[in-house]
PDB file of N, CA and C in Angstrom:
ATOM      1  N   MET A   1      15.326   0.134  82.763  1.00  0.00           N
ATOM      2  CA  MET A   1      16.206   0.651  81.754  1.00  0.00           C
ATOM      3  C   MET A   1      15.566   0.495  80.404  1.00  0.00           C
ATOM      4  N   LYS A   2      15.348   1.607  79.708  1.00  0.00           N
ATOM      5  CA  LYS A   2      14.653   1.560  78.424  1.00  0.00           C
ATOM      6  C   LYS A   2      15.658   1.545  77.313  1.00  0.00           C
ATOM      7  N   LEU A   3      15.497   0.650  76.346  1.00  0.00           N
ATOM      8  CA  LEU A   3      16.375   0.587  75.193  1.00  0.00           C
ATOM      9  C   LEU A   3      15.858   1.520  74.144  1.00  0.00           C
ATOM     10  N   ASN A   4      16.740   2.321  73.576  1.00  0.00           N
ATOM     11  CA  ASN A   4      16.417   3.205  72.468  1.00  0.00           C
ATOM     12  C   ASN A   4      16.824   2.557  71.138  1.00  0.00           C
ATOM     13  N   ILE A   5      15.858   1.866  70.537  1.00  0.00           N
ATOM     14  CA  ILE A   5      16.157   1.206  69.267  1.00  0.00           C
ATOM     15  C   ILE A   5      15.681   2.160  68.156  1.00  0.00           C
ATOM     16  N   PRO A   6      16.614   2.476  67.239  1.00  0.00           N
ATOM     17  CA  PRO A   6      16.227   3.380  66.180  1.00  0.00           C
ATOM     18  C   PRO A   6      15.147   2.769  65.287  1.00  0.00           C
ATOM     19  N   PRO A   7      14.244   3.586  64.782  1.00  0.00           N
ATOM     20  CA  PRO A   7      13.192   3.101  63.891  1.00  0.00           C
ATOM     21  C   PRO A   7      13.748   2.471  62.616  1.00  0.00           C
ATOM     22  N   SER A   8      14.852   2.979  62.124  1.00  0.00           N
ATOM     23  CA  SER A   8      15.401   2.438  60.880  1.00  0.00           C
ATOM     24  C   SER A   8      15.886   0.985  61.090  1.00  0.00           C
ATOM     25  N   LEU A   9      16.349   0.683  62.281  1.00  0.00           N
ATOM     26  CA  LEU A   9      16.781  -0.677  62.561  1.00  0.00           C
ATOM     27  C   LEU A   9      15.586  -1.626  62.580  1.00  0.00           C
ATOM     28  N   ILE A  10      14.488  -1.161  63.190  1.00  0.00           N
ATOM     29  CA  ILE A  10      13.255  -1.907  63.200  1.00  0.00           C
ATOM     30  C   ILE A  10      12.756  -2.209  61.817  1.00  0.00           C
ATOM     31  N   VAL A  11      12.765  -1.187  60.947  1.00  0.00           N
ATOM     32  CA  VAL A  11      12.354  -1.335  59.551  1.00  0.00           C
ATOM     33  C   VAL A  11      13.223  -2.362  58.844  1.00  0.00           C
ATOM     34  N   TRP A  12      14.546  -2.266  59.018  1.00  0.00           N
ATOM     35  CA  TRP A  12      15.402  -3.233  58.353  1.00  0.00           C
ATOM     36  C   TRP A  12      15.192  -4.639  58.848  1.00  0.00           C
ATOM     37  N   ILE A  13      14.976  -4.774  60.110  1.00  0.00           N
ATOM     38  CA  ILE A  13      14.693  -6.154  60.611  1.00  0.00           C
ATOM     39  C   ILE A  13      13.441  -6.720  60.057  1.00  0.00           C
ATOM     40  N   LEU A  14      12.410  -5.881  59.973  1.00  0.00           N
ATOM     41  CA  LEU A  14      11.112  -6.311  59.392  1.00  0.00           C
ATOM     42  C   LEU A  14      11.252  -6.706  57.946  1.00  0.00           C
ATOM     43  N   VAL A  15      11.962  -5.870  57.179  1.00  0.00           N
ATOM     44  CA  VAL A  15      12.133  -6.136  55.720  1.00  0.00           C
ATOM     45  C   VAL A  15      12.919  -7.415  55.567  1.00  0.00           C
ATOM     46  N   ILE A  16      13.981  -7.584  56.264  1.00  0.00           N
ATOM     47  CA  ILE A  16      14.819  -8.801  56.123  1.00  0.00           C
ATOM     48  C   ILE A  16      14.009 -10.040  56.581  1.00  0.00           C
ATOM     49  N   SER A  17      13.176  -9.893  57.623  1.00  0.00           N
ATOM     50  CA  SER A  17      12.374 -10.969  58.131  1.00  0.00           C
ATOM     51  C   SER A  17      11.343 -11.429  57.029  1.00  0.00           C
ATOM     52  N   VAL A  18      10.707 -10.421  56.426  1.00  0.00           N
ATOM     53  CA  VAL A  18       9.714 -10.749  55.416  1.00  0.00           C
ATOM     54  C   VAL A  18      10.346 -11.411  54.227  1.00  0.00           C
ATOM     55  N   LEU A  19      11.500 -10.860  53.802  1.00  0.00           N
ATOM     56  CA  LEU A  19      12.192 -11.448  52.643  1.00  0.00           C
ATOM     57  C   LEU A  19      12.711 -12.846  52.961  1.00  0.00           C
ATOM     58  N   ALA A  20      13.211 -13.055  54.187  1.00  0.00           N
ATOM     59  CA  ALA A  20      13.683 -14.363  54.568  1.00  0.00           C
ATOM     60  C   ALA A  20      12.502 -15.361  54.611  1.00  0.00           C
ATOM     61  N   ALA A  21      11.375 -14.913  55.050  1.00  0.00           N
ATOM     62  CA  ALA A  21      10.194 -15.803  55.100  1.00  0.00           C
ATOM     63  C   ALA A  21       9.779 -16.138  53.649  1.00  0.00           C
ATOM     64  N   LEU A  22       9.853 -15.162  52.738  1.00  0.00           N
ATOM     65  CA  LEU A  22       9.506 -15.457  51.345  1.00  0.00           C
ATOM     66  C   LEU A  22      10.456 -16.445  50.730  1.00  0.00           C
ATOM     67  N   VAL A  23      11.771 -16.294  50.969  1.00  0.00           N
ATOM     68  CA  VAL A  23      12.723 -17.222  50.402  1.00  0.00           C
ATOM     69  C   VAL A  23      12.565 -18.619  51.017  1.00  0.00           C
ATOM     70  N   ILE A  24      12.394 -18.700  52.302  1.00  0.00           N
ATOM     71  CA  ILE A  24      12.180 -19.999  52.922  1.00  0.00           C
ATOM     72  C   ILE A  24      10.904 -20.646  52.414  1.00  0.00           C
ATOM     73  N   SER A  25       9.846 -19.892  52.291  1.00  0.00           N
ATOM     74  CA  SER A  25       8.569 -20.467  51.816  1.00  0.00           C
ATOM     75  C   SER A  25       8.697 -20.948  50.398  1.00  0.00           C
ATOM     76  N   ALA A  26       9.515 -20.256  49.551  1.00  0.00           N
ATOM     77  CA  ALA A  26       9.707 -20.663  48.198  1.00  0.00           C
ATOM     78  C   ALA A  26      10.582 -21.907  48.136  1.00  0.00           C
ATOM     79  N   ALA A  27      11.563 -22.010  49.057  1.00  0.00           N
ATOM     80  CA  ALA A  27      12.475 -23.176  49.061  1.00  0.00           C
ATOM     81  C   ALA A  27      11.757 -24.418  49.551  1.00  0.00           C
ATOM     82  N   THR A  28      10.781 -24.276  50.429  1.00  0.00           N
ATOM     83  CA  THR A  28      10.046 -25.440  50.980  1.00  0.00           C
ATOM     84  C   THR A  28       8.738 -25.705  50.192  1.00  0.00           C
ATOM     85  N   ASN A  29       8.545 -25.046  49.083  1.00  0.00           N
ATOM     86  CA  ASN A  29       7.319 -25.175  48.214  1.00  0.00           C
ATOM     87  C   ASN A  29       6.050 -24.830  48.952  1.00  0.00           C
ATOM     88  N   PHE A  30       6.120 -23.999  49.992  1.00  0.00           N
ATOM     89  CA  PHE A  30       4.960 -23.545  50.704  1.00  0.00           C
ATOM     90  C   PHE A  30       4.270 -22.464  49.826  1.00  0.00           C
ATOM     91  N   ALA A  31       5.064 -21.593  49.235  1.00  0.00           N
ATOM     92  CA  ALA A  31       4.554 -20.577  48.320  1.00  0.00           C
ATOM     93  C   ALA A  31       5.268 -20.832  47.006  1.00  0.00           C
ATOM     94  N   SER A  32       4.633 -20.629  45.905  1.00  0.00           N
ATOM     95  CA  SER A  32       5.279 -20.901  44.611  1.00  0.00           C
ATOM     96  C   SER A  32       6.274 -19.786  44.283  1.00  0.00           C
ATOM     97  N   ALA A  33       7.416 -20.165  43.771  1.00  0.00           N
ATOM     98  CA  ALA A  33       8.423 -19.218  43.374  1.00  0.00           C
ATOM     99  C   ALA A  33       7.945 -18.368  42.173  1.00  0.00           C
ATOM    100  N   ASP A  34       7.007 -18.913  41.420  1.00  0.00           N
ATOM    101  CA  ASP A  34       6.486 -18.162  40.287  1.00  0.00           C
ATOM    102  C   ASP A  34       5.738 -16.907  40.787  1.00  0.00           C
ATOM    103  N   TRP A  35       4.987 -17.050  41.869  1.00  0.00           N
ATOM    104  CA  TRP A  35       4.272 -15.891  42.424  1.00  0.00           C
ATOM    105  C   TRP A  35       5.254 -14.825  42.888  1.00  0.00           C
ATOM    106  N   ILE A  36       6.339 -15.225  43.564  1.00  0.00           N
ATOM    107  CA  ILE A  36       7.304 -14.222  44.003  1.00  0.00           C
ATOM    108  C   ILE A  36       8.013 -13.519  42.868  1.00  0.00           C
ATOM    109  N   MET A  37       8.334 -14.255  41.851  1.00  0.00           N
ATOM    110  CA  MET A  37       9.003 -13.647  40.676  1.00  0.00           C
ATOM    111  C   MET A  37       8.006 -12.824  39.843  1.00  0.00           C
ATOM    112  N   ALA A  38       6.736 -13.174  39.831  1.00  0.00           N
ATOM    113  CA  ALA A  38       5.728 -12.460  39.038  1.00  0.00           C
ATOM    114  C   ALA A  38       5.371 -11.152  39.687  1.00  0.00           C
ATOM    115  N   ASN A  39       5.414 -11.107  41.009  1.00  0.00           N
ATOM    116  CA  ASN A  39       5.134  -9.829  41.683  1.00  0.00           C
ATOM    117  C   ASN A  39       6.324  -8.928  41.597  1.00  0.00           C
ATOM    118  N   PHE A  40       6.242  -7.919  40.780  1.00  0.00           N
ATOM    119  CA  PHE A  40       7.392  -7.087  40.442  1.00  0.00           C
ATOM    120  C   PHE A  40       7.885  -6.377  41.661  1.00  0.00           C
ATOM    121  N   LEU A  41       7.034  -5.809  42.540  1.00  0.00           N
ATOM    122  CA  LEU A  41       7.463  -5.073  43.703  1.00  0.00           C
ATOM    123  C   LEU A  41       8.266  -5.940  44.679  1.00  0.00           C
ATOM    124  N   VAL A  42       7.845  -7.211  44.874  1.00  0.00           N
ATOM    125  CA  VAL A  42       8.558  -8.131  45.731  1.00  0.00           C
ATOM    126  C   VAL A  42       9.960  -8.434  45.176  1.00  0.00           C
ATOM    127  N   PHE A  43       9.958  -8.640  43.859  1.00  0.00           N
ATOM    128  CA  PHE A  43      11.233  -8.891  43.184  1.00  0.00           C
ATOM    129  C   PHE A  43      12.210  -7.723  43.347  1.00  0.00           C
ATOM    130  N   VAL A  44      11.736  -6.524  43.101  1.00  0.00           N
ATOM    131  CA  VAL A  44      12.611  -5.304  43.263  1.00  0.00           C
ATOM    132  C   VAL A  44      13.027  -5.174  44.682  1.00  0.00           C
ATOM    133  N   LEU A  45      12.117  -5.377  45.654  1.00  0.00           N
ATOM    134  CA  LEU A  45      12.491  -5.293  47.028  1.00  0.00           C
ATOM    135  C   LEU A  45      13.601  -6.279  47.394  1.00  0.00           C
ATOM    136  N   LEU A  46      13.460  -7.504  46.847  1.00  0.00           N
ATOM    137  CA  LEU A  46      14.517  -8.514  47.075  1.00  0.00           C
ATOM    138  C   LEU A  46      15.873  -8.070  46.566  1.00  0.00           C
ATOM    139  N   ILE A  47      15.865  -7.586  45.336  1.00  0.00           N
ATOM    140  CA  ILE A  47      17.109  -7.171  44.718  1.00  0.00           C
ATOM    141  C   ILE A  47      17.749  -5.976  45.460  1.00  0.00           C
ATOM    142  N   VAL A  48      16.922  -4.978  45.752  1.00  0.00           N
ATOM    143  CA  VAL A  48      17.453  -3.771  46.430  1.00  0.00           C
ATOM    144  C   VAL A  48      17.953  -4.113  47.813  1.00  0.00           C
ATOM    145  N   THR A  49      17.230  -4.927  48.503  1.00  0.00           N
ATOM    146  CA  THR A  49      17.700  -5.330  49.894  1.00  0.00           C
ATOM    147  C   THR A  49      19.007  -6.099  49.826  1.00  0.00           C
ATOM    148  N   ILE A  50      19.099  -7.078  48.958  1.00  0.00           N
ATOM    149  CA  ILE A  50      20.321  -7.871  48.787  1.00  0.00           C
ATOM    150  C   ILE A  50      21.492  -6.937  48.422  1.00  0.00           C
ATOM    151  N   ALA A  51      21.252  -6.035  47.449  1.00  0.00           N
ATOM    152  CA  ALA A  51      22.312  -5.132  47.017  1.00  0.00           C
ATOM    153  C   ALA A  51      22.788  -4.241  48.132  1.00  0.00           C
ATOM    154  N   THR A  52      21.801  -3.687  48.914  1.00  0.00           N
ATOM    155  CA  THR A  52      22.177  -2.792  50.042  1.00  0.00           C
ATOM    156  C   THR A  52      22.954  -3.538  51.063  1.00  0.00           C
ATOM    157  N   LEU A  53      22.538  -4.723  51.447  1.00  0.00           N
ATOM    158  CA  LEU A  53      23.279  -5.516  52.421  1.00  0.00           C
ATOM    159  C   LEU A  53      24.618  -5.951  51.943  1.00  0.00           C
ATOM    160  N   ALA A  54      24.753  -6.220  50.616  1.00  0.00           N
ATOM    161  CA  ALA A  54      26.052  -6.584  50.042  1.00  0.00           C
ATOM    162  C   ALA A  54      27.015  -5.397  50.117  1.00  0.00           C
ATOM    163  N   ILE A  55      26.515  -4.217  49.811  1.00  0.00           N
ATOM    164  CA  ILE A  55      27.365  -3.029  49.875  1.00  0.00           C
ATOM    165  C   ILE A  55      27.826  -2.777  51.334  1.00  0.00           C
ATOM    166  N   ILE A  56      26.917  -2.865  52.249  1.00  0.00           N
ATOM    167  CA  ILE A  56      27.284  -2.607  53.642  1.00  0.00           C
ATOM    168  C   ILE A  56      28.232  -3.683  54.109  1.00  0.00           C
ATOM    169  N   GLY A  57      28.052  -4.948  53.739  1.00  0.00           N
ATOM    170  CA  GLY A  57      28.955  -6.036  54.133  1.00  0.00           C
ATOM    171  C   GLY A  57      30.330  -5.854  53.507  1.00  0.00           C
ATOM    172  N   ALA A  58      30.380  -5.439  52.252  1.00  0.00           N
ATOM    173  CA  ALA A  58      31.645  -5.231  51.516  1.00  0.00           C
ATOM    174  C   ALA A  58      32.417  -4.060  52.214  1.00  0.00           C
ATOM    175  N   THR A  59      31.667  -3.055  52.603  1.00  0.00           N
ATOM    176  CA  THR A  59      32.332  -1.908  53.271  1.00  0.00           C
ATOM    177  C   THR A  59      32.964  -2.339  54.557  1.00  0.00           C
ATOM    178  N   PHE A  60      32.213  -3.071  55.393  1.00  0.00           N
ATOM    179  CA  PHE A  60      32.742  -3.509  56.660  1.00  0.00           C
ATOM    180  C   PHE A  60      33.928  -4.477  56.443  1.00  0.00           C
ATOM    181  N   LEU A  61      33.838  -5.371  55.444  1.00  0.00           N
ATOM    182  CA  LEU A  61      34.919  -6.298  55.136  1.00  0.00           C
ATOM    183  C   LEU A  61      36.142  -5.513  54.744  1.00  0.00           C
ATOM    184  N   GLY A  62      35.942  -4.492  53.863  1.00  0.00           N
ATOM    185  CA  GLY A  62      37.100  -3.658  53.498  1.00  0.00           C
ATOM    186  C   GLY A  62      37.739  -2.972  54.642  1.00  0.00           C
ATOM    187  N   ILE A  63      36.897  -2.457  55.558  1.00  0.00           N
ATOM    188  CA  ILE A  63      37.448  -1.796  56.707  1.00  0.00           C
ATOM    189  C   ILE A  63      38.291  -2.743  57.593  1.00  0.00           C
ATOM    190  N   ILE A  64      37.791  -3.943  57.786  1.00  0.00           N
ATOM    191  CA  ILE A  64      38.486  -4.915  58.608  1.00  0.00           C
ATOM    192  C   ILE A  64      39.802  -5.336  57.921  1.00  0.00           C
ATOM    193  N   ILE A  65      39.760  -5.597  56.635  1.00  0.00           N
ATOM    194  CA  ILE A  65      40.973  -6.011  55.927  1.00  0.00           C
ATOM    195  C   ILE A  65      42.003  -4.920  55.939  1.00  0.00           C
ATOM    196  N   SER A  66      41.592  -3.676  55.627  1.00  0.00           N
ATOM    197  CA  SER A  66      42.574  -2.622  55.608  1.00  0.00           C
ATOM    198  C   SER A  66      43.156  -2.325  57.006  1.00  0.00           C
ATOM    199  N   HIS A  67      42.332  -2.480  58.048  1.00  0.00           N
ATOM    200  CA  HIS A  67      42.866  -2.293  59.426  1.00  0.00           C
ATOM    201  C   HIS A  67      43.882  -3.368  59.721  1.00  0.00           C
ATOM    202  N   ARG A  68      43.594  -4.587  59.345  1.00  0.00           N
ATOM    203  CA  ARG A  68      44.553  -5.677  59.550  1.00  0.00           C
ATOM    204  C   ARG A  68      45.843  -5.427  58.858  1.00  0.00           C
ATOM    205  N   ILE A  69      45.789  -4.979  57.597  1.00  0.00           N
ATOM    206  CA  ILE A  69      47.014  -4.764  56.818  1.00  0.00           C
ATOM    207  C   ILE A  69      47.777  -3.570  57.400  1.00  0.00           C
ATOM    208  N   LEU A  70      47.132  -2.499  57.710  1.00  0.00           N
ATOM    209  CA  LEU A  70      47.843  -1.340  58.169  1.00  0.00           C
ATOM    210  C   LEU A  70      48.297  -1.444  59.678  1.00  0.00           C
ATOM    211  N   SER A  71      47.652  -2.248  60.444  1.00  0.00           N
ATOM    212  CA  SER A  71      48.011  -2.347  61.850  1.00  0.00           C
ATOM    213  C   SER A  71      49.247  -3.205  62.065  1.00  0.00           C
ATOM    214  N   GLN A  72      49.626  -4.032  61.053  1.00  0.00           N
ATOM    215  CA  GLN A  72      50.767  -4.869  61.208  1.00  0.00           C
ATOM    216  C   GLN A  72      52.072  -4.202  60.957  1.00  0.00           C
ATOM    217  N   LYS A  73      52.040  -3.085  60.273  1.00  0.00           N
ATOM    218  CA  LYS A  73      53.205  -2.322  59.947  1.00  0.00           C
ATOM    219  C   LYS A  73      53.625  -1.483  61.141  1.00  0.00           C
ATOM    220  N   GLY A  74      54.866  -0.946  61.090  1.00  0.00           N
ATOM    221  CA  GLY A  74      55.348  -0.028  62.129  1.00  0.00           C
ATOM    222  C   GLY A  74      54.770   1.364  61.861  1.00  0.00           C
ATOM    223  N   PHE A  75      55.528   2.324  62.286  1.00  0.00           N
ATOM    224  CA  PHE A  75      55.073   3.706  62.138  1.00  0.00           C
ATOM    225  C   PHE A  75      55.254   4.128  60.676  1.00  0.00           C
ATOM    226  N   THR A  76      54.443   5.076  60.274  1.00  0.00           N
ATOM    227  CA  THR A  76      54.584   5.675  58.948  1.00  0.00           C
ATOM    228  C   THR A  76      55.804   6.592  58.979  1.00  0.00           C
ATOM    229  N   PRO A  77      56.351   6.935  57.808  1.00  0.00           N
ATOM    230  CA  PRO A  77      57.486   7.848  57.789  1.00  0.00           C
ATOM    231  C   PRO A  77      57.189   9.209  58.511  1.00  0.00           C
ATOM    232  N   PHE A  78      55.988   9.704  58.381  1.00  0.00           N
ATOM    233  CA  PHE A  78      55.617  10.922  59.064  1.00  0.00           C
ATOM    234  C   PHE A  78      55.674  10.755  60.594  1.00  0.00           C
ATOM    235  N   GLU A  79      55.126   9.632  61.060  1.00  0.00           N
ATOM    236  CA  GLU A  79      55.153   9.377  62.498  1.00  0.00           C
ATOM    237  C   GLU A  79      56.576   9.176  63.034  1.00  0.00           C
ATOM    238  N   GLU A  80      57.415   8.524  62.239  1.00  0.00           N
ATOM    239  CA  GLU A  80      58.818   8.333  62.648  1.00  0.00           C
ATOM    240  C   GLU A  80      59.528   9.670  62.750  1.00  0.00           C
ATOM    241  N   GLU A  81      59.263  10.580  61.842  1.00  0.00           N
ATOM    242  CA  GLU A  81      59.877  11.901  61.841  1.00  0.00           C
ATOM    243  C   GLU A  81      59.379  12.682  63.095  1.00  0.00           C
ATOM    244  N   MET A  82      58.111  12.554  63.404  1.00  0.00           N
ATOM    245  CA  MET A  82      57.546  13.230  64.558  1.00  0.00           C
ATOM    246  C   MET A  82      58.174  12.692  65.874  1.00  0.00           C
ATOM    247  N   LEU A  83      58.470  11.399  65.918  1.00  0.00           N
ATOM    248  CA  LEU A  83      59.105  10.791  67.109  1.00  0.00           C
ATOM    249  C   LEU A  83      60.538  11.315  67.233  1.00  0.00           C
ATOM    250  N   LYS A  84      61.265  11.410  66.121  1.00  0.00           N
ATOM    251  CA  LYS A  84      62.609  11.937  66.164  1.00  0.00           C
ATOM    252  C   LYS A  84      62.590  13.397  66.614  1.00  0.00           C
ATOM    253  N   MET A  85      61.614  14.159  66.086  1.00  0.00           N
ATOM    254  CA  MET A  85      61.549  15.559  66.492  1.00  0.00           C
ATOM    255  C   MET A  85      61.213  15.705  67.957  1.00  0.00           C
ATOM    256  N   ARG A  86      60.442  14.814  68.476  1.00  0.00           N
ATOM    257  CA  ARG A  86      60.095  14.834  69.903  1.00  0.00           C
ATOM    258  C   ARG A  86      61.358  14.620  70.758  1.00  0.00           C
ATOM    259  N   GLU A  87      62.182  13.685  70.319  1.00  0.00           N
ATOM    260  CA  GLU A  87      63.459  13.423  71.066  1.00  0.00           C
ATOM    261  C   GLU A  87      64.367  14.646  71.013  1.00  0.00           C
ATOM    262  N   GLU A  88      64.414  15.271  69.836  1.00  0.00           N
ATOM    263  CA  GLU A  88      65.291  16.434  69.675  1.00  0.00           C
ATOM    264  C   GLU A  88      64.781  17.582  70.558  1.00  0.00           C
ATOM    265  N   VAL A  89      63.461  17.753  70.643  1.00  0.00           N
ATOM    266  CA  VAL A  89      62.901  18.796  71.523  1.00  0.00           C
ATOM    267  C   VAL A  89      63.219  18.511  72.969  1.00  0.00           C
ATOM    268  N   LYS A  90      63.190  17.256  73.411  1.00  0.00           N
ATOM    269  CA  LYS A  90      63.558  16.872  74.788  1.00  0.00           C
ATOM    270  C   LYS A  90      65.032  17.215  75.034  1.00  0.00           C
ATOM    271  N   GLU A  91      65.915  16.905  74.083  1.00  0.00           N
ATOM    272  CA  GLU A  91      67.343  17.250  74.294  1.00  0.00           C
ATOM    273  C   GLU A  91      67.558  18.717  74.374  1.00  0.00           C
ATOM    274  N   ILE A  92      66.877  19.507  73.526  1.00  0.00           N
ATOM    275  CA  ILE A  92      67.023  20.952  73.570  1.00  0.00           C
ATOM    276  C   ILE A  92      66.516  21.506  74.890  1.00  0.00           C
ATOM    277  N   LYS A  93      65.402  20.965  75.374  1.00  0.00           N
ATOM    278  CA  LYS A  93      64.813  21.405  76.657  1.00  0.00           C
ATOM    279  C   LYS A  93      65.761  21.131  77.795  1.00  0.00           C
ATOM    280  N   GLU A  94      66.435  19.933  77.761  1.00  0.00           N
ATOM    281  CA  GLU A  94      67.364  19.634  78.838  1.00  0.00           C
ATOM    282  C   GLU A  94      68.560  20.566  78.814  1.00  0.00           C
ATOM    283  N   LYS A  95      69.028  20.925  77.618  1.00  0.00           N
ATOM    284  CA  LYS A  95      70.145  21.861  77.513  1.00  0.00           C
ATOM    285  C   LYS A  95      69.733  23.240  77.979  1.00  0.00           C
ATOM    286  N   LEU A  96      68.520  23.650  77.669  1.00  0.00           N
ATOM    287  CA  LEU A  96      68.020  24.951  78.131  1.00  0.00           C
ATOM    288  C   LEU A  96      67.847  25.003  79.630  1.00  0.00           C
ATOM    289  N   ASP A  97      67.521  23.870  80.215  1.00  0.00           N
ATOM    290  CA  ASP A  97      67.373  23.830  81.666  1.00  0.00           C
ATOM    291  C   ASP A  97      68.698  24.024  82.383  1.00  0.00           C
ATOM    292  N   LEU A  98      69.854  23.788  81.670  1.00  0.00           N
ATOM    293  CA  LEU A  98      71.147  23.941  82.270  1.00  0.00           C
ATOM    294  C   LEU A  98      71.631  25.425  82.232  1.00  0.00           C
ATOM    295  N   LEU A  99      70.904  26.240  81.505  1.00  0.00           N
ATOM    296  CA  LEU A  99      71.302  27.646  81.393  1.00  0.00           C
ATOM    297  C   LEU A  99      70.516  28.471  82.368  1.00  0.00           C
ATOM    298  N   GLU A 100      71.130  29.575  82.790  1.00  0.00           N
ATOM    299  CA  GLU A 100      70.381  30.527  83.669  1.00  0.00           C
ATOM    300  C   GLU A 100      70.788  31.927  83.275  1.00  0.00           C
ATOM    301  N   ILE A 101      69.876  32.892  83.534  1.00  0.00           N
ATOM    302  CA  ILE A 101      70.110  34.263  83.165  1.00  0.00           C
ATOM    303  C   ILE A 101      70.460  35.066  84.412  1.00  0.00           C
ATOM    304  N   LYS A 102      71.622  35.675  84.410  1.00  0.00           N
ATOM    305  CA  LYS A 102      71.998  36.568  85.492  1.00  0.00           C
ATOM    306  C   LYS A 102      72.430  37.882  84.937  1.00  0.00           C
ATOM    307  N   ASP A 103      71.849  38.945  85.412  1.00  0.00           N
ATOM    308  CA  ASP A 103      72.171  40.328  85.013  1.00  0.00           C
ATOM    309  C   ASP A 103      72.090  40.469  83.475  1.00  0.00           C
ATOM    310  N   GLY A 104      71.138  39.835  82.826  1.00  0.00           N
ATOM    311  CA  GLY A 104      70.976  39.972  81.437  1.00  0.00           C
ATOM    312  C   GLY A 104      71.903  39.133  80.619  1.00  0.00           C
ATOM    313  N   LYS A 105      72.726  38.337  81.263  1.00  0.00           N
ATOM    314  CA  LYS A 105      73.650  37.411  80.557  1.00  0.00           C
ATOM    315  C   LYS A 105      73.248  35.998  80.781  1.00  0.00           C
ATOM    316  N   ILE A 106      73.418  35.223  79.736  1.00  0.00           N
ATOM    317  CA  ILE A 106      73.152  33.757  79.812  1.00  0.00           C
ATOM    318  C   ILE A 106      74.379  33.067  80.324  1.00  0.00           C
ATOM    319  N   GLU A 107      74.252  32.303  81.408  1.00  0.00           N
ATOM    320  CA  GLU A 107      75.379  31.554  81.955  1.00  0.00           C
ATOM    321  C   GLU A 107      74.996  30.123  82.139  1.00  0.00           C
ATOM    322  N   VAL A 108      75.969  29.240  82.139  1.00  0.00           N
ATOM    323  CA  VAL A 108      75.773  27.848  82.347  1.00  0.00           C
ATOM    324  C   VAL A 108      75.782  27.574  83.849  1.00  0.00           C
ATOM    325  N   LYS A 109      74.815  26.829  84.305  1.00  0.00           N
ATOM    326  CA  LYS A 109      74.756  26.522  85.743  1.00  0.00           C
ATOM    327  C   LYS A 109      76.067  25.739  86.131  1.00  0.00           C
ATOM    328  N   LYS A 110      76.490  25.975  87.332  1.00  0.00           N
ATOM    329  CA  LYS A 110      77.743  25.346  87.833  1.00  0.00           C
ATOM    330  C   LYS A 110      77.539  23.849  88.017  1.00  0.00           C
ATOM    331  N   ASP A 111      78.644  23.112  87.955  1.00  0.00           N
ATOM    332  CA  ASP A 111      78.670  21.686  88.165  1.00  0.00           C
ATOM    333  C   ASP A 111      77.830  20.932  87.156  1.00  0.00           C
ATOM    334  N   THR A 112      77.974  21.275  85.927  1.00  0.00           N
ATOM    335  CA  THR A 112      77.258  20.543  84.867  1.00  0.00           C
ATOM    336  C   THR A 112      78.290  20.042  83.821  1.00  0.00           C
ATOM    337  N   LYS A 113      77.963  19.018  83.158  1.00  0.00           N
ATOM    338  CA  LYS A 113      78.860  18.483  82.109  1.00  0.00           C
ATOM    339  C   LYS A 113      79.001  19.520  80.959  1.00  0.00           C
ATOM    340  N   LEU A 114      77.932  20.262  80.688  1.00  0.00           N
ATOM    341  CA  LEU A 114      77.955  21.283  79.644  1.00  0.00           C
ATOM    342  C   LEU A 114      78.967  22.335  79.966  1.00  0.00           C
ATOM    343  N   ASN A 115      79.080  22.687  81.254  1.00  0.00           N
ATOM    344  CA  ASN A 115      80.052  23.689  81.713  1.00  0.00           C
ATOM    345  C   ASN A 115      81.448  23.196  81.481  1.00  0.00           C
ATOM    346  N   GLU A 116      81.720  21.909  81.764  1.00  0.00           N
ATOM    347  CA  GLU A 116      83.025  21.333  81.536  1.00  0.00           C
ATOM    348  C   GLU A 116      83.345  21.314  80.059  1.00  0.00           C
ATOM    349  N   ASN A 117      82.396  21.010  79.212  1.00  0.00           N
ATOM    350  CA  ASN A 117      82.661  21.016  77.768  1.00  0.00           C
ATOM    351  C   ASN A 117      83.021  22.361  77.230  1.00  0.00           C
ATOM    352  N   ILE A 118      82.418  23.390  77.780  1.00  0.00           N
ATOM    353  CA  ILE A 118      82.665  24.767  77.340  1.00  0.00           C
ATOM    354  C   ILE A 118      84.106  25.183  77.712  1.00  0.00           C
ATOM    355  N   LYS A 119      84.562  24.791  78.898  1.00  0.00           N
ATOM    356  CA  LYS A 119      85.895  25.169  79.338  1.00  0.00           C
ATOM    357  C   LYS A 119      87.011  24.511  78.514  1.00  0.00           C
ATOM    358  N   LYS A 120      86.726  23.355  78.006  1.00  0.00           N
ATOM    359  CA  LYS A 120      87.698  22.666  77.149  1.00  0.00           C
ATOM    360  C   LYS A 120      87.760  23.343  75.811  1.00  0.00           C
TER     361      LYS A 120
END
């Protein structure tokens, strides 16, 4: 079974790995932090990567929080109205099932409660 890993994912993993290695090496004094800050391209790459990951993380966090907030509520007013309408359509369908057409006239089927209500 072959895994199809997108090339963009591989690039992101490599970029993050290199940046993590730079940060760790600066924190352990293996590489001087002055060199990292002096190299403008490395500094810009660090800032852009951190900003991109922060935006992606904030987006996912926002999605999770909004899902939690909205999933705890009941139905929206529109959905409640649609459920009421569904019940009304069921009732109308049941009443139509009690009717039959004979010789071009609409008649109520015999032995039904609707027929008794009409007679009264």
